[in-house]
Amino acid sequence: MTVINNSTASLCSRRSWIKAAPMAALSTSLSLRAQGLTPHSESSSDWLLSGADGENGQPFLVALNPRSHQQYAWPLPGRAHDIGLLPSTPGFARLGYCIARRPGTWLFWFDLAEGKLLNRIESPPGSHFYGHAASNSDGSLLYVTENHYQTSTRPKPRGVIGIYQTSPPFARVGELDAC
């Protein structure tokens, strides 16, 4: 990615930009708060969720609260790709998910309001996640991009959309062909 300002042009890697984004969000938040422009509620849309690396390279899922303070930092087994919150979900104040970067095999469920990791789902045998998801309109199902790769019993790789329930036990309940 190329970042251009008024006086110079410089190259900035995506990773460097992502590492700097929380500080930019913090400074913008402080500036807006000083002007009285920030909301007074702590709705889930005010939270910043991101994957981050610790000093030793350990990947984390990080949640910054509306006041731009780190509220949670959950260790992950690898780099995160897609992180999202679902529409209101019965039984949870703010249910979210975090999916591994492709070709990862894990998906975490977390409750943002309670600050708890709820469950870890592994991709089906012979499959990996492609790192993206979307929910249905009421938040009861999560649709996750997956790849069933070639194996001795499966001669051709196949892209699918895995369907997961968003309530315990967060089970995979079906799939749709992606092609």
Foldseek 3Di string as FASTA:
>chain_A
DWDDDDPDTDDDDPLRVVVCVLVVVLVVLVVCVVVVNDDPDFDPVLKDWAWDADPVRFIWTWIATNNSHTDATHTDPATWADKDWFDDDPPAPIKIKTFHAPQAFWMWIARPVVRDTDDIGGHPPQKGFNRDWDAPPRRQKIWTWMWNCDDPVRHHIFIKTFIFGRDPPRHTDDIGGPD
